[in-house]
């Protein structure tokens, strides 16, 4: 079924390849206008071009409030108020805890947790202007019990789930839904 998202405007982070690219393609196929964002500029721009006039690409470091402000402004200028945010960008980090680099741990938290926080903060006023919307935070089943050597990633996703629940309870009065999708391993 197509056309279920006609007139909706979506921002998708980490949309240059993989899961984010697939999300962008699906949203466009369902009738949404999509601003693809990533730090992989060539790949992201190519995906946007392949989707046609319903899509655009913008460089976005999810840890930068200025980048988020610019991305929201561009989405609104091109397509209108934002209806959907997919916080897909993330860092998967492996390693035993006794070898964990604290700077790397902070980097994972910045992308996997702080980035979605800034994104939700940035899109909320636009979603209010749209009359409501949906915030989709891509999390992981690993948030519910971390396997060996994935402490950093698991912790970041567990925190994202809790953050999402709190945000959902805050923004529901504005007609905005926020939820986390806890994905499993794909082989």
Protein backbone atom coordinates (compact mmCIF):
# COMPACT_ATOMS: atom_id res chain seq x y z
CA UNK A 1 0.00 0.00 0.00
CA UNK A 2 1.40 3.42 -0.90
CA UNK A 3 0.38 6.98 -0.20
CA UNK A 4 -0.10 6.57 3.55
CA UNK A 5 2.42 9.33 4.21
CA UNK A 6 1.25 11.80 1.56
CA UNK A 7 2.05 15.33 2.67
CA UNK A 8 4.22 14.23 5.58
CA UNK A 9 7.76 15.53 5.99
CA UNK A 10 10.44 13.29 7.51
CA UNK A 11 14.03 13.80 8.65
CA UNK A 12 16.09 10.62 8.79
CA UNK A 13 19.57 10.54 10.32
CA UNK A 14 22.21 8.10 9.16
CA UNK A 15 20.40 7.87 5.81
CA UNK A 16 23.40 7.55 3.47
CA UNK A 17 23.45 3.76 3.50
CA UNK A 18 22.12 0.60 5.12
CA UNK A 19 19.09 0.80 7.34
CA UNK A 20 18.79 4.60 7.10
CA UNK A 21 18.84 4.46 3.31
CA UNK A 22 16.15 1.75 3.35
CA UNK A 23 14.02 3.89 5.68
CA UNK A 24 14.38 6.91 3.39
CA UNK A 25 13.42 4.86 0.34
CA UNK A 26 10.37 3.45 2.11
CA UNK A 27 9.20 6.83 3.37
CA UNK A 28 9.52 8.31 -0.12
CA UNK A 29 7.67 5.32 -1.64
CA UNK A 30 4.86 5.88 0.87
CA UNK A 31 4.47 9.52 -0.25
CA UNK A 32 6.54 11.46 2.29
CA UNK A 33 9.02 14.19 1.52
CA UNK A 34 12.34 13.24 3.09
CA UNK A 35 15.40 15.13 4.23
CA UNK A 36 18.18 12.55 4.38
CA UNK A 37 21.00 13.43 6.75
CA UNK A 38 24.38 11.89 7.45
CA UNK A 39 28.09 12.70 7.63
CA UNK A 40 28.74 10.58 4.51
CA UNK A 41 27.98 13.38 2.09
CA UNK A 42 28.63 11.76 -1.29
CA UNK A 43 26.63 8.64 -0.45
CA UNK A 44 23.78 10.61 1.13
CA UNK A 45 23.51 13.03 -1.77
CA UNK A 46 23.44 10.14 -4.25
CA UNK A 47 20.59 8.44 -2.40
CA UNK A 48 18.61 11.70 -2.30
CA UNK A 49 19.12 12.25 -6.04
CA UNK A 50 17.95 8.71 -6.74
CA UNK A 51 14.69 9.43 -4.87
CA UNK A 52 13.87 12.47 -6.98
CA UNK A 53 12.24 15.77 -6.00
CA UNK A 54 10.62 14.33 -2.85
CA UNK A 55 14.06 14.05 -1.23
CA UNK A 56 17.01 16.24 -0.36
CA UNK A 57 20.28 15.63 1.44
CA UNK A 58 21.98 17.69 4.14
CA UNK A 59 25.16 17.08 6.09
CA UNK A 60 24.26 16.59 9.75
CA UNK A 61 26.54 15.86 12.66
CA UNK A 62 23.86 14.70 15.10
CA UNK A 63 25.92 15.98 18.03
CA UNK A 64 25.77 19.58 16.75
CA UNK A 65 22.87 21.81 17.79
CA UNK A 66 23.76 24.22 14.96
CA UNK A 67 23.60 21.40 12.38
CA UNK A 68 20.21 20.32 13.74
CA UNK A 69 18.86 23.88 13.61
CA UNK A 70 19.98 24.20 9.98
CA UNK A 71 18.54 20.80 9.03
CA UNK A 72 15.14 21.59 10.51
CA UNK A 73 15.11 24.98 8.76
CA UNK A 74 16.01 23.37 5.43
CA UNK A 75 13.35 20.69 5.77
CA UNK A 76 10.71 23.30 6.55
CA UNK A 77 11.84 25.60 3.73
CA UNK A 78 11.80 22.78 1.16
CA UNK A 79 8.87 20.68 2.27
CA UNK A 80 6.95 22.25 5.19
CA UNK A 81 6.65 21.43 8.90
CA UNK A 82 8.20 18.15 10.02
CA UNK A 83 5.88 15.25 10.79
CA UNK A 84 8.41 12.47 11.39
CA UNK A 85 11.89 12.19 12.85
CA UNK A 86 13.81 8.94 12.57
CA UNK A 87 16.88 9.01 14.80
CA UNK A 88 18.74 6.22 13.03
CA UNK A 89 22.38 7.35 13.16
CA UNK A 90 24.47 5.34 15.57
CA UNK A 91 27.84 3.89 16.46
CA UNK A 92 28.30 0.20 17.22
CA UNK A 93 31.30 -0.30 19.48
CA UNK A 94 32.98 -3.59 20.44
CA UNK A 95 35.54 -4.32 23.13
CA UNK A 96 36.06 -5.67 26.61
CA UNK A 97 35.50 -3.19 29.41
CA UNK A 98 39.11 -3.31 30.65
CA UNK A 99 40.19 -2.02 27.23
CA UNK A 100 37.41 0.54 26.86
CA UNK A 101 38.66 3.97 25.86
CA UNK A 102 36.74 6.64 27.78
CA UNK A 103 36.91 9.09 24.87
CA UNK A 104 35.40 6.45 22.57
CA UNK A 105 32.69 5.73 25.18
CA UNK A 106 31.80 9.43 25.22
CA UNK A 107 31.73 9.49 21.41
CA UNK A 108 29.27 6.56 21.32
CA UNK A 109 27.06 8.26 23.92
CA UNK A 110 27.22 11.53 21.98
CA UNK A 111 25.99 9.93 18.75
CA UNK A 112 23.63 7.28 20.16
CA UNK A 113 22.06 9.29 22.99
CA UNK A 114 22.89 13.00 22.88
CA UNK A 115 22.25 13.18 19.11
CA UNK A 116 18.67 11.90 19.42
CA UNK A 117 18.07 14.26 22.35
CA UNK A 118 19.19 17.26 20.31
CA UNK A 119 17.14 16.04 17.34
CA UNK A 120 13.96 15.67 19.39
CA UNK A 121 14.50 19.11 20.87
CA UNK A 122 15.08 20.62 17.43
CA UNK A 123 12.03 19.11 15.68
CA UNK A 124 9.45 19.55 18.45
CA UNK A 125 8.45 23.13 17.52
CA UNK A 126 8.11 22.15 13.85
CA UNK A 127 5.98 19.13 14.78
CA UNK A 128 3.73 21.41 16.83
CA UNK A 129 3.28 23.57 13.71
CA UNK A 130 2.47 20.41 11.74
CA UNK A 131 -0.27 19.56 14.22
CA UNK A 132 1.64 16.60 15.66
CA UNK A 133 4.07 13.96 14.57
CA UNK A 134 6.10 10.88 15.36
CA UNK A 135 9.61 10.58 16.75
CA UNK A 136 11.14 7.17 16.07
CA UNK A 137 14.34 6.40 17.94
CA UNK A 138 16.18 3.37 16.60
CA UNK A 139 17.39 1.36 19.55
CA UNK A 140 18.40 -2.25 20.03
CA UNK A 141 17.43 -5.44 21.82
CA UNK A 142 20.92 -5.20 23.30
CA UNK A 143 19.55 -2.43 25.54
CA UNK A 144 17.76 -5.13 27.53
CA UNK A 145 20.81 -7.15 28.46
CA UNK A 146 24.22 -6.52 27.03
CA UNK A 147 26.20 -9.39 25.61
CA UNK A 148 29.96 -9.61 26.14
CA UNK A 149 32.08 -6.82 24.66
CA UNK A 150 29.15 -4.52 23.86
CA UNK A 151 28.85 -2.58 27.12
CA UNK A 152 29.18 0.87 25.55
CA UNK A 153 26.65 0.27 22.79
CA UNK A 154 24.21 -1.54 25.11
CA UNK A 155 24.38 1.23 27.71
CA UNK A 156 23.78 3.94 25.11
CA UNK A 157 20.70 2.16 23.79
CA UNK A 158 19.30 1.44 27.26
CA UNK A 159 19.62 5.14 28.07
CA UNK A 160 17.97 6.01 24.75
CA UNK A 161 14.97 3.82 25.63
CA UNK A 162 14.52 5.58 28.98
CA UNK A 163 14.98 9.00 27.42
CA UNK A 164 12.37 8.15 24.78
CA UNK A 165 9.81 7.08 27.41
CA UNK A 166 10.23 10.34 29.28
CA UNK A 167 10.01 12.42 26.11
CA UNK A 168 6.90 10.49 25.02
CA UNK A 169 5.17 11.37 28.27
CA UNK A 170 6.12 15.02 27.82
CA UNK A 171 5.19 15.61 24.16
CA UNK A 172 1.99 13.56 23.94
CA UNK A 173 -0.01 16.63 24.98
CA UNK A 174 1.26 18.29 21.79
CA UNK A 175 0.04 15.47 19.54
CA UNK A 176 3.56 14.10 19.19
CA UNK A 177 4.31 10.41 19.69
CA UNK A 178 7.80 9.28 20.64
CA UNK A 179 8.85 5.66 20.70
CA UNK A 180 11.93 3.48 20.42
CA UNK A 181 12.19 0.53 18.09
CA UNK A 182 14.41 -2.17 19.62
CA UNK A 183 15.91 -3.99 16.67
CA UNK A 184 17.61 -7.36 16.84
CA UNK A 185 20.62 -8.69 14.98
CA UNK A 186 20.35 -9.00 11.22
CA UNK A 187 22.35 -11.84 9.71
